[in-house]
Amino acid sequence: MQFFALDILFPEEVVSVVLTKEDSGSVVHIDEEYFFEIELEGNPSTGFWWHFENLDEQYLELVREEAEKISKERLGAPVLGRWVFKAKRCGETTVKMAYYRKWEGADKAVDRVSFVVKIK
C-alpha cells in the first residue's frame, strides 16, 4: 500500500499578492485562478475585528481565514488577520472591510479598507 502526503494532495495556496492597510484604495491586477491575501492587524480581545462589507462570490472565493498572535508575550496584544482569496473569473470587484465590534454594527466602524480587484 502506498501513502501520499497530504501537502501533495492539498498544497498550500501560492499567494501572488499580499495587501495591507497601507494598500487600501489601490487596484490589484491578478490572473484568474490565482490567489491573493489581505493582512490586517486587529485586537479581538477588545471586541473589535474586521468584517466584510461586501464580498462578491461570483468573482472571489475566500479559501482561508486565520489570525496569528503578533506578540506571544502579552495577553490582549494585537493579532494579524489573514484572508486568502482565489480569483474565480475575469472581471472586476471591490473588497470592502470594516473594523468594528459586532454587537455595535458596521455603522459604528472605527476603520475601513477597500481594494479594487481586476481579474484577467
PDB file of N, CA and C in Angstrom:
ATOM      1  N   MET A   1       0.839  -1.176   0.000  1.00  0.00           N
ATOM      2  CA  MET A   1       0.000   0.000   0.000  1.00  0.00           C
ATOM      3  C   MET A   1       0.883   1.237   0.000  1.00  0.00           C
ATOM      4  N   GLN A   2       0.545   2.229  -0.812  1.00  0.00           N
ATOM      5  CA  GLN A   2       1.331   3.445  -0.925  1.00  0.00           C
ATOM      6  C   GLN A   2       0.551   4.611  -0.329  1.00  0.00           C
ATOM      7  N   PHE A   3       1.236   5.457   0.453  1.00  0.00           N
ATOM      8  CA  PHE A   3       0.609   6.611   1.077  1.00  0.00           C
ATOM      9  C   PHE A   3       1.158   7.893   0.458  1.00  0.00           C
ATOM     10  N   PHE A   4       0.322   8.891   0.363  1.00  0.00           N
ATOM     11  CA  PHE A   4       0.735  10.185  -0.168  1.00  0.00           C
ATOM     12  C   PHE A   4       0.617  11.216   0.939  1.00  0.00           C
ATOM     13  N   ALA A   5       1.563  12.117   0.986  1.00  0.00           N
ATOM     14  CA  ALA A   5       1.496  13.200   1.970  1.00  0.00           C
ATOM     15  C   ALA A   5       0.342  14.132   1.623  1.00  0.00           C
ATOM     16  N   LEU A   6      -0.367  14.594   2.650  1.00  0.00           N
ATOM     17  CA  LEU A   6      -1.499  15.492   2.412  1.00  0.00           C
ATOM     18  C   LEU A   6      -1.082  16.782   1.721  1.00  0.00           C
ATOM     19  N   ASP A   7       0.149  17.254   1.972  1.00  0.00           N
ATOM     20  CA  ASP A   7       0.549  18.506   1.342  1.00  0.00           C
ATOM     21  C   ASP A   7       0.763  18.346  -0.157  1.00  0.00           C
ATOM     22  N   ILE A   8       0.908  17.130  -0.645  1.00  0.00           N
ATOM     23  CA  ILE A   8       0.984  16.899  -2.084  1.00  0.00           C
ATOM     24  C   ILE A   8      -0.425  16.886  -2.669  1.00  0.00           C
ATOM     25  N   LEU A   9      -1.362  16.254  -1.972  1.00  0.00           N
ATOM     26  CA  LEU A   9      -2.741  16.201  -2.451  1.00  0.00           C
ATOM     27  C   LEU A   9      -3.451  17.537  -2.299  1.00  0.00           C
ATOM     28  N   PHE A  10      -3.150  18.259  -1.222  1.00  0.00           N
ATOM     29  CA  PHE A  10      -3.785  19.540  -0.937  1.00  0.00           C
ATOM     30  C   PHE A  10      -2.700  20.579  -0.663  1.00  0.00           C
ATOM     31  N   PRO A  11      -2.035  21.076  -1.715  1.00  0.00           N
ATOM     32  CA  PRO A  11      -0.920  22.009  -1.499  1.00  0.00           C
ATOM     33  C   PRO A  11      -1.388  23.347  -0.943  1.00  0.00           C
ATOM     34  N   GLU A  12      -0.513  24.003  -0.226  1.00  0.00           N
ATOM     35  CA  GLU A  12      -0.780  25.349   0.282  1.00  0.00           C
ATOM     36  C   GLU A  12      -0.984  26.285  -0.905  1.00  0.00           C
ATOM     37  N   GLU A  13      -1.892  27.226  -0.773  1.00  0.00           N
ATOM     38  CA  GLU A  13      -2.129  28.175  -1.837  1.00  0.00           C
ATOM     39  C   GLU A  13      -0.859  29.001  -2.069  1.00  0.00           C
ATOM     40  N   VAL A  14      -0.546  29.266  -3.309  1.00  0.00           N
ATOM     41  CA  VAL A  14       0.578  30.129  -3.630  1.00  0.00           C
ATOM     42  C   VAL A  14       0.015  31.533  -3.820  1.00  0.00           C
ATOM     43  N   VAL A  15       0.319  32.398  -2.882  1.00  0.00           N
ATOM     44  CA  VAL A  15      -0.218  33.753  -2.874  1.00  0.00           C
ATOM     45  C   VAL A  15       0.675  34.637  -3.729  1.00  0.00           C
ATOM     46  N   SER A  16       0.067  35.293  -4.725  1.00  0.00           N
ATOM     47  CA  SER A  16       0.855  36.129  -5.628  1.00  0.00           C
ATOM     48  C   SER A  16       0.906  37.600  -5.192  1.00  0.00           C
ATOM     49  N   VAL A  17      -0.067  38.047  -4.382  1.00  0.00           N
ATOM     50  CA  VAL A  17      -0.127  39.437  -3.929  1.00  0.00           C
ATOM     51  C   VAL A  17      -0.587  39.457  -2.473  1.00  0.00           C
ATOM     52  N   VAL A  18       0.063  40.286  -1.639  1.00  0.00           N
ATOM     53  CA  VAL A  18      -0.354  40.485  -0.257  1.00  0.00           C
ATOM     54  C   VAL A  18      -0.713  41.962  -0.093  1.00  0.00           C
ATOM     55  N   LEU A  19      -1.953  42.226   0.331  1.00  0.00           N
ATOM     56  CA  LEU A  19      -2.430  43.583   0.531  1.00  0.00           C
ATOM     57  C   LEU A  19      -2.519  43.882   2.023  1.00  0.00           C
ATOM     58  N   THR A  20      -2.135  45.107   2.408  1.00  0.00           N
ATOM     59  CA  THR A  20      -2.194  45.534   3.801  1.00  0.00           C
ATOM     60  C   THR A  20      -3.024  46.816   3.895  1.00  0.00           C
ATOM     61  N   LYS A  21      -3.192  47.312   5.093  1.00  0.00           N
ATOM     62  CA  LYS A  21      -3.970  48.535   5.308  1.00  0.00           C
ATOM     63  C   LYS A  21      -3.411  49.692   4.487  1.00  0.00           C
ATOM     64  N   GLU A  22      -2.107  49.743   4.349  1.00  0.00           N
ATOM     65  CA  GLU A  22      -1.467  50.805   3.583  1.00  0.00           C
ATOM     66  C   GLU A  22      -1.845  50.753   2.098  1.00  0.00           C
ATOM     67  N   ASP A  23      -2.311  49.607   1.619  1.00  0.00           N
ATOM     68  CA  ASP A  23      -2.715  49.448   0.216  1.00  0.00           C
ATOM     69  C   ASP A  23      -4.179  49.814  -0.019  1.00  0.00           C
ATOM     70  N   SER A  24      -4.893  50.168   1.030  1.00  0.00           N
ATOM     71  CA  SER A  24      -6.311  50.478   0.896  1.00  0.00           C
ATOM     72  C   SER A  24      -6.517  51.553  -0.170  1.00  0.00           C
ATOM     73  N   GLY A  25      -7.512  51.338  -1.015  1.00  0.00           N
ATOM     74  CA  GLY A  25      -7.800  52.250  -2.103  1.00  0.00           C
ATOM     75  C   GLY A  25      -7.073  51.918  -3.388  1.00  0.00           C
ATOM     76  N   SER A  26      -6.191  50.956  -3.333  1.00  0.00           N
ATOM     77  CA  SER A  26      -5.411  50.611  -4.520  1.00  0.00           C
ATOM     78  C   SER A  26      -6.141  49.598  -5.397  1.00  0.00           C
ATOM     79  N   VAL A  27      -5.607  49.427  -6.602  1.00  0.00           N
ATOM     80  CA  VAL A  27      -6.128  48.467  -7.568  1.00  0.00           C
ATOM     81  C   VAL A  27      -5.096  47.358  -7.700  1.00  0.00           C
ATOM     82  N   VAL A  28      -5.558  46.119  -7.591  1.00  0.00           N
ATOM     83  CA  VAL A  28      -4.671  44.970  -7.762  1.00  0.00           C
ATOM     84  C   VAL A  28      -5.119  44.206  -9.005  1.00  0.00           C
ATOM     85  N   HIS A  29      -4.144  43.823  -9.811  1.00  0.00           N
ATOM     86  CA  HIS A  29      -4.411  43.028 -11.009  1.00  0.00           C
ATOM     87  C   HIS A  29      -3.950  41.606 -10.722  1.00  0.00           C
ATOM     88  N   ILE A  30      -4.817  40.651 -10.979  1.00  0.00           N
ATOM     89  CA  ILE A  30      -4.492  39.258 -10.688  1.00  0.00           C
ATOM     90  C   ILE A  30      -5.083  38.364 -11.775  1.00  0.00           C
ATOM     91  N   ASP A  31      -4.388  37.297 -12.060  1.00  0.00           N
ATOM     92  CA  ASP A  31      -4.871  36.347 -13.061  1.00  0.00           C
ATOM     93  C   ASP A  31      -5.941  35.437 -12.474  1.00  0.00           C
ATOM     94  N   GLU A  32      -6.849  35.028 -13.323  1.00  0.00           N
ATOM     95  CA  GLU A  32      -7.884  34.074 -12.942  1.00  0.00           C
ATOM     96  C   GLU A  32      -7.233  32.808 -12.387  1.00  0.00           C
ATOM     97  N   GLU A  33      -7.820  32.247 -11.349  1.00  0.00           N
ATOM     98  CA  GLU A  33      -7.357  31.037 -10.670  1.00  0.00           C
ATOM     99  C   GLU A  33      -6.135  31.269  -9.770  1.00  0.00           C
ATOM    100  N   TYR A  34      -5.672  32.507  -9.633  1.00  0.00           N
ATOM    101  CA  TYR A  34      -4.554  32.802  -8.747  1.00  0.00           C
ATOM    102  C   TYR A  34      -5.083  33.271  -7.393  1.00  0.00           C
ATOM    103  N   PHE A  35      -4.183  33.337  -6.413  1.00  0.00           N
ATOM    104  CA  PHE A  35      -4.544  33.676  -5.044  1.00  0.00           C
ATOM    105  C   PHE A  35      -3.936  35.014  -4.638  1.00  0.00           C
ATOM    106  N   PHE A  36      -4.654  35.744  -3.783  1.00  0.00           N
ATOM    107  CA  PHE A  36      -4.095  36.932  -3.148  1.00  0.00           C
ATOM    108  C   PHE A  36      -4.548  36.932  -1.693  1.00  0.00           C
ATOM    109  N   GLU A  37      -3.865  37.750  -0.893  1.00  0.00           N
ATOM    110  CA  GLU A  37      -4.107  37.757   0.550  1.00  0.00           C
ATOM    111  C   GLU A  37      -4.270  39.180   1.053  1.00  0.00           C
ATOM    112  N   ILE A  38      -5.149  39.342   2.029  1.00  0.00           N
ATOM    113  CA  ILE A  38      -5.279  40.597   2.760  1.00  0.00           C
ATOM    114  C   ILE A  38      -4.817  40.337   4.185  1.00  0.00           C
ATOM    115  N   GLU A  39      -3.900  41.181   4.684  1.00  0.00           N
ATOM    116  CA  GLU A  39      -3.395  41.081   6.056  1.00  0.00           C
ATOM    117  C   GLU A  39      -3.726  42.379   6.792  1.00  0.00           C
ATOM    118  N   LEU A  40      -4.462  42.252   7.891  1.00  0.00           N
ATOM    119  CA  LEU A  40      -4.843  43.423   8.678  1.00  0.00           C
ATOM    120  C   LEU A  40      -4.655  43.141  10.157  1.00  0.00           C
ATOM    121  N   GLU A  41      -4.118  44.117  10.853  1.00  0.00           N
ATOM    122  CA  GLU A  41      -3.929  43.989  12.290  1.00  0.00           C
ATOM    123  C   GLU A  41      -5.222  44.361  13.005  1.00  0.00           C
ATOM    124  N   GLY A  42      -5.515  43.634  14.059  1.00  0.00           N
ATOM    125  CA  GLY A  42      -6.700  43.905  14.850  1.00  0.00           C
ATOM    126  C   GLY A  42      -6.510  43.465  16.285  1.00  0.00           C
ATOM    127  N   ASN A  43      -7.499  43.749  17.112  1.00  0.00           N
ATOM    128  CA  ASN A  43      -7.414  43.365  18.509  1.00  0.00           C
ATOM    129  C   ASN A  43      -8.758  42.794  18.965  1.00  0.00           C
ATOM    130  N   PRO A  44      -8.996  41.516  18.679  1.00  0.00           N
ATOM    131  CA  PRO A  44     -10.285  40.916  19.029  1.00  0.00           C
ATOM    132  C   PRO A  44     -10.541  40.850  20.535  1.00  0.00           C
ATOM    133  N   SER A  45      -9.508  40.969  21.358  1.00  0.00           N
ATOM    134  CA  SER A  45      -9.731  40.929  22.809  1.00  0.00           C
ATOM    135  C   SER A  45     -10.524  42.149  23.276  1.00  0.00           C
ATOM    136  N   THR A  46     -10.570  43.212  22.472  1.00  0.00           N
ATOM    137  CA  THR A  46     -11.363  44.403  22.791  1.00  0.00           C
ATOM    138  C   THR A  46     -12.747  44.338  22.142  1.00  0.00           C
ATOM    139  N   GLY A  47     -12.980  43.279  21.372  1.00  0.00           N
ATOM    140  CA  GLY A  47     -14.249  43.128  20.673  1.00  0.00           C
ATOM    141  C   GLY A  47     -14.196  43.602  19.238  1.00  0.00           C
ATOM    142  N   PHE A  48     -13.154  44.346  18.874  1.00  0.00           N
ATOM    143  CA  PHE A  48     -13.029  44.837  17.509  1.00  0.00           C
ATOM    144  C   PHE A  48     -12.426  43.769  16.595  1.00  0.00           C
ATOM    145  N   TRP A  49     -12.984  43.668  15.382  1.00  0.00           N
ATOM    146  CA  TRP A  49     -12.407  42.804  14.361  1.00  0.00           C
ATOM    147  C   TRP A  49     -12.871  43.277  12.994  1.00  0.00           C
ATOM    148  N   TRP A  50     -12.204  42.776  11.965  1.00  0.00           N
ATOM    149  CA  TRP A  50     -12.502  43.129  10.578  1.00  0.00           C
ATOM    150  C   TRP A  50     -13.645  42.266  10.049  1.00  0.00           C
ATOM    151  N   HIS A  51     -14.619  42.926   9.410  1.00  0.00           N
ATOM    152  CA  HIS A  51     -15.783  42.256   8.831  1.00  0.00           C
ATOM    153  C   HIS A  51     -15.946  42.707   7.378  1.00  0.00           C
ATOM    154  N   PHE A  52     -16.372  41.792   6.525  1.00  0.00           N
ATOM    155  CA  PHE A  52     -16.618  42.146   5.129  1.00  0.00           C
ATOM    156  C   PHE A  52     -17.881  42.981   5.022  1.00  0.00           C
ATOM    157  N   GLU A  53     -17.798  44.063   4.268  1.00  0.00           N
ATOM    158  CA  GLU A  53     -18.981  44.858   3.957  1.00  0.00           C
ATOM    159  C   GLU A  53     -19.617  44.337   2.675  1.00  0.00           C
ATOM    160  N   ASN A  54     -18.802  43.766   1.848  1.00  0.00           N
ATOM    161  CA  ASN A  54     -19.292  43.097   0.647  1.00  0.00           C
ATOM    162  C   ASN A  54     -18.216  42.111   0.194  1.00  0.00           C
ATOM    163  N   LEU A  55     -18.639  41.026  -0.364  1.00  0.00           N
ATOM    164  CA  LEU A  55     -17.711  40.067  -0.950  1.00  0.00           C
ATOM    165  C   LEU A  55     -18.454  39.401  -2.093  1.00  0.00           C
ATOM    166  N   ASP A  56     -18.066  39.741  -3.300  1.00  0.00           N
ATOM    167  CA  ASP A  56     -18.736  39.233  -4.493  1.00  0.00           C
ATOM    168  C   ASP A  56     -18.216  37.836  -4.793  1.00  0.00           C
ATOM    169  N   GLU A  57     -18.974  36.843  -4.377  1.00  0.00           N
ATOM    170  CA  GLU A  57     -18.539  35.450  -4.512  1.00  0.00           C
ATOM    171  C   GLU A  57     -18.581  34.939  -5.943  1.00  0.00           C
ATOM    172  N   GLN A  58     -19.117  35.724  -6.866  1.00  0.00           N
ATOM    173  CA  GLN A  58     -19.056  35.285  -8.258  1.00  0.00           C
ATOM    174  C   GLN A  58     -17.648  35.507  -8.812  1.00  0.00           C
ATOM    175  N   TYR A  59     -16.872  36.428  -8.189  1.00  0.00           N
ATOM    176  CA  TYR A  59     -15.505  36.696  -8.634  1.00  0.00           C
ATOM    177  C   TYR A  59     -14.433  36.165  -7.691  1.00  0.00           C
ATOM    178  N   LEU A  60     -14.738  36.115  -6.399  1.00  0.00           N
ATOM    179  CA  LEU A  60     -13.736  35.730  -5.407  1.00  0.00           C
ATOM    180  C   LEU A  60     -14.245  34.619  -4.512  1.00  0.00           C
ATOM    181  N   GLU A  61     -13.334  33.734  -4.168  1.00  0.00           N
ATOM    182  CA  GLU A  61     -13.634  32.678  -3.199  1.00  0.00           C
ATOM    183  C   GLU A  61     -12.708  32.859  -2.006  1.00  0.00           C
ATOM    184  N   LEU A  62     -13.286  33.000  -0.812  1.00  0.00           N
ATOM    185  CA  LEU A  62     -12.488  33.062   0.405  1.00  0.00           C
ATOM    186  C   LEU A  62     -12.096  31.635   0.747  1.00  0.00           C
ATOM    187  N   VAL A  63     -10.805  31.316   0.585  1.00  0.00           N
ATOM    188  CA  VAL A  63     -10.370  29.932   0.778  1.00  0.00           C
ATOM    189  C   VAL A  63      -9.768  29.686   2.157  1.00  0.00           C
ATOM    190  N   ARG A  64      -9.334  30.762   2.828  1.00  0.00           N
ATOM    191  CA  ARG A  64      -8.751  30.569   4.155  1.00  0.00           C
ATOM    192  C   ARG A  64      -8.807  31.874   4.924  1.00  0.00           C
ATOM    193  N   GLU A  65      -9.107  31.750   6.212  1.00  0.00           N
ATOM    194  CA  GLU A  65      -9.089  32.894   7.126  1.00  0.00           C
ATOM    195  C   GLU A  65      -8.406  32.443   8.400  1.00  0.00           C
ATOM    196  N   GLU A  66      -7.468  33.242   8.884  1.00  0.00           N
ATOM    197  CA  GLU A  66      -6.751  32.869  10.097  1.00  0.00           C
ATOM    198  C   GLU A  66      -6.282  34.114  10.826  1.00  0.00           C
ATOM    199  N   ALA A  67      -5.934  33.938  12.080  1.00  0.00           N
ATOM    200  CA  ALA A  67      -5.389  35.022  12.896  1.00  0.00           C
ATOM    201  C   ALA A  67      -4.156  34.500  13.616  1.00  0.00           C
ATOM    202  N   GLU A  68      -3.125  35.334  13.656  1.00  0.00           N
ATOM    203  CA  GLU A  68      -1.863  34.942  14.281  1.00  0.00           C
ATOM    204  C   GLU A  68      -1.461  35.997  15.299  1.00  0.00           C
ATOM    205  N   LYS A  69      -1.075  35.543  16.488  1.00  0.00           N
ATOM    206  CA  LYS A  69      -0.606  36.474  17.516  1.00  0.00           C
ATOM    207  C   LYS A  69       0.653  37.180  17.019  1.00  0.00           C
ATOM    208  N   ILE A  70       0.688  38.490  17.231  1.00  0.00           N
ATOM    209  CA  ILE A  70       1.866  39.267  16.857  1.00  0.00           C
ATOM    210  C   ILE A  70       2.899  39.183  17.974  1.00  0.00           C
ATOM    211  N   SER A  71       2.434  39.237  19.224  1.00  0.00           N
ATOM    212  CA  SER A  71       3.307  39.145  20.383  1.00  0.00           C
ATOM    213  C   SER A  71       2.818  38.002  21.259  1.00  0.00           C
ATOM    214  N   LYS A  72       3.681  37.047  21.493  1.00  0.00           N
ATOM    215  CA  LYS A  72       3.313  35.908  22.331  1.00  0.00           C
ATOM    216  C   LYS A  72       3.535  36.217  23.817  1.00  0.00           C
ATOM    217  N   GLU A  73       4.115  37.373  24.109  1.00  0.00           N
ATOM    218  CA  GLU A  73       4.469  37.710  25.481  1.00  0.00           C
ATOM    219  C   GLU A  73       3.370  38.464  26.226  1.00  0.00           C
ATOM    220  N   ARG A  74       2.433  39.090  25.508  1.00  0.00           N
ATOM    221  CA  ARG A  74       1.422  39.914  26.161  1.00  0.00           C
ATOM    222  C   ARG A  74       0.027  39.369  25.902  1.00  0.00           C
ATOM    223  N   LEU A  75      -0.783  39.293  26.941  1.00  0.00           N
ATOM    224  CA  LEU A  75      -2.192  38.965  26.769  1.00  0.00           C
ATOM    225  C   LEU A  75      -2.909  40.189  26.229  1.00  0.00           C
ATOM    226  N   GLY A  76      -3.852  39.984  25.354  1.00  0.00           N
ATOM    227  CA  GLY A  76      -4.608  41.096  24.800  1.00  0.00           C
ATOM    228  C   GLY A  76      -3.880  41.872  23.728  1.00  0.00           C
ATOM    229  N   ALA A  77      -2.726  41.362  23.288  1.00  0.00           N
ATOM    230  CA  ALA A  77      -1.954  42.051  22.253  1.00  0.00           C
ATOM    231  C   ALA A  77      -2.651  41.909  20.902  1.00  0.00           C
ATOM    232  N   PRO A  78      -2.383  42.814  19.972  1.00  0.00           N
ATOM    233  CA  PRO A  78      -2.982  42.725  18.639  1.00  0.00           C
ATOM    234  C   PRO A  78      -2.599  41.424  17.931  1.00  0.00           C
ATOM    235  N   VAL A  79      -3.455  41.036  16.985  1.00  0.00           N
ATOM    236  CA  VAL A  79      -3.196  39.857  16.159  1.00  0.00           C
ATOM    237  C   VAL A  79      -3.223  40.285  14.701  1.00  0.00           C
ATOM    238  N   LEU A  80      -2.647  39.459  13.855  1.00  0.00           N
ATOM    239  CA  LEU A  80      -2.634  39.709  12.424  1.00  0.00           C
ATOM    240  C   LEU A  80      -3.659  38.792  11.771  1.00  0.00           C
ATOM    241  N   GLY A  81      -4.691  39.381  11.193  1.00  0.00           N
ATOM    242  CA  GLY A  81      -5.696  38.609  10.474  1.00  0.00           C
ATOM    243  C   GLY A  81      -5.259  38.418   9.034  1.00  0.00           C
ATOM    244  N   ARG A  82      -5.477  37.213   8.516  1.00  0.00           N
ATOM    245  CA  ARG A  82      -5.138  36.904   7.116  1.00  0.00           C
ATOM    246  C   ARG A  82      -6.346  36.284   6.439  1.00  0.00           C
ATOM    247  N   TRP A  83      -6.675  36.820   5.255  1.00  0.00           N
ATOM    248  CA  TRP A  83      -7.765  36.297   4.433  1.00  0.00           C
ATOM    249  C   TRP A  83      -7.186  35.994   3.061  1.00  0.00           C
ATOM    250  N   VAL A  84      -7.260  34.727   2.642  1.00  0.00           N
ATOM    251  CA  VAL A  84      -6.720  34.311   1.343  1.00  0.00           C
ATOM    252  C   VAL A  84      -7.885  34.076   0.393  1.00  0.00           C
ATOM    253  N   PHE A  85      -7.790  34.691  -0.788  1.00  0.00           N
ATOM    254  CA  PHE A  85      -8.833  34.606  -1.799  1.00  0.00           C
ATOM    255  C   PHE A  85      -8.307  33.961  -3.073  1.00  0.00           C
ATOM    256  N   LYS A  86      -9.202  33.293  -3.775  1.00  0.00           N
ATOM    257  CA  LYS A  86      -8.909  32.771  -5.103  1.00  0.00           C
ATOM    258  C   LYS A  86      -9.731  33.575  -6.097  1.00  0.00           C
ATOM    259  N   ALA A  87      -9.084  34.065  -7.151  1.00  0.00           N
ATOM    260  CA  ALA A  87      -9.776  34.784  -8.213  1.00  0.00           C
ATOM    261  C   ALA A  87     -10.482  33.750  -9.088  1.00  0.00           C
ATOM    262  N   LYS A  88     -11.801  33.807  -9.151  1.00  0.00           N
ATOM    263  CA  LYS A  88     -12.587  32.758  -9.811  1.00  0.00           C
ATOM    264  C   LYS A  88     -12.826  32.992 -11.297  1.00  0.00           C
ATOM    265  N   ARG A  89     -13.042  34.255 -11.691  1.00  0.00           N
ATOM    266  CA  ARG A  89     -13.370  34.524 -13.087  1.00  0.00           C
ATOM    267  C   ARG A  89     -12.985  35.945 -13.461  1.00  0.00           C
ATOM    268  N   CYS A  90     -12.824  36.191 -14.738  1.00  0.00           N
ATOM    269  CA  CYS A  90     -12.437  37.515 -15.222  1.00  0.00           C
ATOM    270  C   CYS A  90     -13.503  38.551 -14.874  1.00  0.00           C
ATOM    271  N   GLY A  91     -13.039  39.738 -14.534  1.00  0.00           N
ATOM    272  CA  GLY A  91     -13.951  40.820 -14.203  1.00  0.00           C
ATOM    273  C   GLY A  91     -13.331  41.728 -13.154  1.00  0.00           C
ATOM    274  N   GLU A  92     -14.169  42.531 -12.527  1.00  0.00           N
ATOM    275  CA  GLU A  92     -13.714  43.482 -11.521  1.00  0.00           C
ATOM    276  C   GLU A  92     -14.670  43.488 -10.334  1.00  0.00           C
ATOM    277  N   THR A  93     -14.102  43.558  -9.156  1.00  0.00           N
ATOM    278  CA  THR A  93     -14.893  43.631  -7.930  1.00  0.00           C
ATOM    279  C   THR A  93     -14.124  44.448  -6.904  1.00  0.00           C
ATOM    280  N   THR A  94     -14.805  44.877  -5.867  1.00  0.00           N
ATOM    281  CA  THR A  94     -14.169  45.621  -4.787  1.00  0.00           C
ATOM    282  C   THR A  94     -14.405  44.880  -3.479  1.00  0.00           C
ATOM    283  N   VAL A  95     -13.325  44.674  -2.745  1.00  0.00           N
ATOM    284  CA  VAL A  95     -13.421  44.070  -1.418  1.00  0.00           C
ATOM    285  C   VAL A  95     -13.414  45.208  -0.407  1.00  0.00           C
ATOM    286  N   LYS A  96     -14.470  45.298   0.403  1.00  0.00           N
ATOM    287  CA  LYS A  96     -14.569  46.320   1.441  1.00  0.00           C
ATOM    288  C   LYS A  96     -14.680  45.630   2.790  1.00  0.00           C
ATOM    289  N   MET A  97     -13.879  46.122   3.748  1.00  0.00           N
ATOM    290  CA  MET A  97     -13.900  45.578   5.097  1.00  0.00           C
ATOM    291  C   MET A  97     -13.989  46.725   6.094  1.00  0.00           C
ATOM    292  N   ALA A  98     -14.683  46.478   7.200  1.00  0.00           N
ATOM    293  CA  ALA A  98     -14.838  47.484   8.250  1.00  0.00           C
ATOM    294  C   ALA A  98     -14.403  46.884   9.582  1.00  0.00           C
ATOM    295  N   TYR A  99     -13.827  47.726  10.426  1.00  0.00           N
ATOM    296  CA  TYR A  99     -13.300  47.324  11.729  1.00  0.00           C
ATOM    297  C   TYR A  99     -14.255  47.838  12.811  1.00  0.00           C
ATOM    298  N   TYR A 100     -14.982  46.916  13.439  1.00  0.00           N
ATOM    299  CA  TYR A 100     -15.967  47.309  14.446  1.00  0.00           C
ATOM    300  C   TYR A 100     -16.275  46.156  15.383  1.00  0.00           C
ATOM    301  N   ARG A 101     -16.972  46.493  16.465  1.00  0.00           N
ATOM    302  CA  ARG A 101     -17.481  45.474  17.379  1.00  0.00           C
ATOM    303  C   ARG A 101     -18.786  44.964  16.797  1.00  0.00           C
ATOM    304  N   LYS A 102     -18.889  43.657  16.672  1.00  0.00           N
ATOM    305  CA  LYS A 102     -20.050  43.061  16.015  1.00  0.00           C
ATOM    306  C   LYS A 102     -21.369  43.502  16.646  1.00  0.00           C
ATOM    307  N   TRP A 103     -21.400  43.607  17.967  1.00  0.00           N
ATOM    308  CA  TRP A 103     -22.643  43.970  18.634  1.00  0.00           C
ATOM    309  C   TRP A 103     -23.002  45.447  18.438  1.00  0.00           C
ATOM    310  N   GLU A 104     -22.040  46.274  18.007  1.00  0.00           N
ATOM    311  CA  GLU A 104     -22.330  47.679  17.738  1.00  0.00           C
ATOM    312  C   GLU A 104     -22.748  47.916  16.290  1.00  0.00           C
ATOM    313  N   GLY A 105     -22.321  47.036  15.392  1.00  0.00           N
ATOM    314  CA  GLY A 105     -22.701  47.138  13.993  1.00  0.00           C
ATOM    315  C   GLY A 105     -21.751  47.968  13.146  1.00  0.00           C
ATOM    316  N   ALA A 106     -21.886  47.817  11.835  1.00  0.00           N
ATOM    317  CA  ALA A 106     -20.987  48.448  10.870  1.00  0.00           C
ATOM    318  C   ALA A 106     -21.065  49.974  10.892  1.00  0.00           C
ATOM    319  N   ASP A 107     -22.198  50.538  11.281  1.00  0.00           N
ATOM    320  CA  ASP A 107     -22.314  51.999  11.316  1.00  0.00           C
ATOM    321  C   ASP A 107     -21.425  52.617  12.400  1.00  0.00           C
ATOM    322  N   LYS A 108     -20.919  51.800  13.320  1.00  0.00           N
ATOM    323  CA  LYS A 108     -20.006  52.262  14.371  1.00  0.00           C
ATOM    324  C   LYS A 108     -18.552  51.891  14.068  1.00  0.00           C
ATOM    325  N   ALA A 109     -18.248  51.538  12.811  1.00  0.00           N
ATOM    326  CA  ALA A 109     -16.887  51.152  12.422  1.00  0.00           C
ATOM    327  C   ALA A 109     -15.906  52.282  12.707  1.00  0.00           C
ATOM    328  N   VAL A 110     -14.735  51.912  13.221  1.00  0.00           N
ATOM    329  CA  VAL A 110     -13.697  52.901  13.517  1.00  0.00           C
ATOM    330  C   VAL A 110     -12.634  52.948  12.422  1.00  0.00           C
ATOM    331  N   ASP A 111     -12.712  52.012  11.472  1.00  0.00           N
ATOM    332  CA  ASP A 111     -11.763  51.993  10.362  1.00  0.00           C
ATOM    333  C   ASP A 111     -12.373  51.195   9.214  1.00  0.00           C
ATOM    334  N   ARG A 112     -11.934  51.501   8.012  1.00  0.00           N
ATOM    335  CA  ARG A 112     -12.398  50.791   6.812  1.00  0.00           C
ATOM    336  C   ARG A 112     -11.248  50.678   5.825  1.00  0.00           C
ATOM    337  N   VAL A 113     -11.278  49.610   5.023  1.00  0.00           N
ATOM    338  CA  VAL A 113     -10.336  49.444   3.912  1.00  0.00           C
ATOM    339  C   VAL A 113     -11.127  48.959   2.703  1.00  0.00           C
ATOM    340  N   SER A 114     -10.567  49.239   1.520  1.00  0.00           N
ATOM    341  CA  SER A 114     -11.176  48.716   0.297  1.00  0.00           C
ATOM    342  C   SER A 114     -10.074  48.482  -0.728  1.00  0.00           C
ATOM    343  N   PHE A 115     -10.261  47.469  -1.523  1.00  0.00           N
ATOM    344  CA  PHE A 115      -9.314  47.086  -2.561  1.00  0.00           C
ATOM    345  C   PHE A 115     -10.082  46.752  -3.825  1.00  0.00           C
ATOM    346  N   VAL A 116      -9.713  47.354  -4.941  1.00  0.00           N
ATOM    347  CA  VAL A 116     -10.323  47.010  -6.227  1.00  0.00           C
ATOM    348  C   VAL A 116      -9.504  45.861  -6.807  1.00  0.00           C
ATOM    349  N   VAL A 117     -10.193  44.789  -7.189  1.00  0.00           N
ATOM    350  CA  VAL A 117      -9.524  43.610  -7.731  1.00  0.00           C
ATOM    351  C   VAL A 117      -9.949  43.445  -9.176  1.00  0.00           C
ATOM    352  N   LYS A 118      -8.986  43.507 -10.086  1.00  0.00           N
ATOM    353  CA  LYS A 118      -9.231  43.301 -11.512  1.00  0.00           C
ATOM    354  C   LYS A 118      -8.646  41.944 -11.887  1.00  0.00           C
ATOM    355  N   ILE A 119      -9.529  41.063 -12.325  1.00  0.00           N
ATOM    356  CA  ILE A 119      -9.132  39.690 -12.647  1.00  0.00           C
ATOM    357  C   ILE A 119      -9.079  39.543 -14.161  1.00  0.00           C
ATOM    358  N   LYS A 120      -7.923  39.063 -14.634  1.00  0.00           N
ATOM    359  CA  LYS A 120      -7.770  38.881 -16.088  1.00  0.00           C
ATOM    360  C   LYS A 120      -7.548  37.430 -16.457  1.00  0.00           C
TER     361      LYS A 120
END
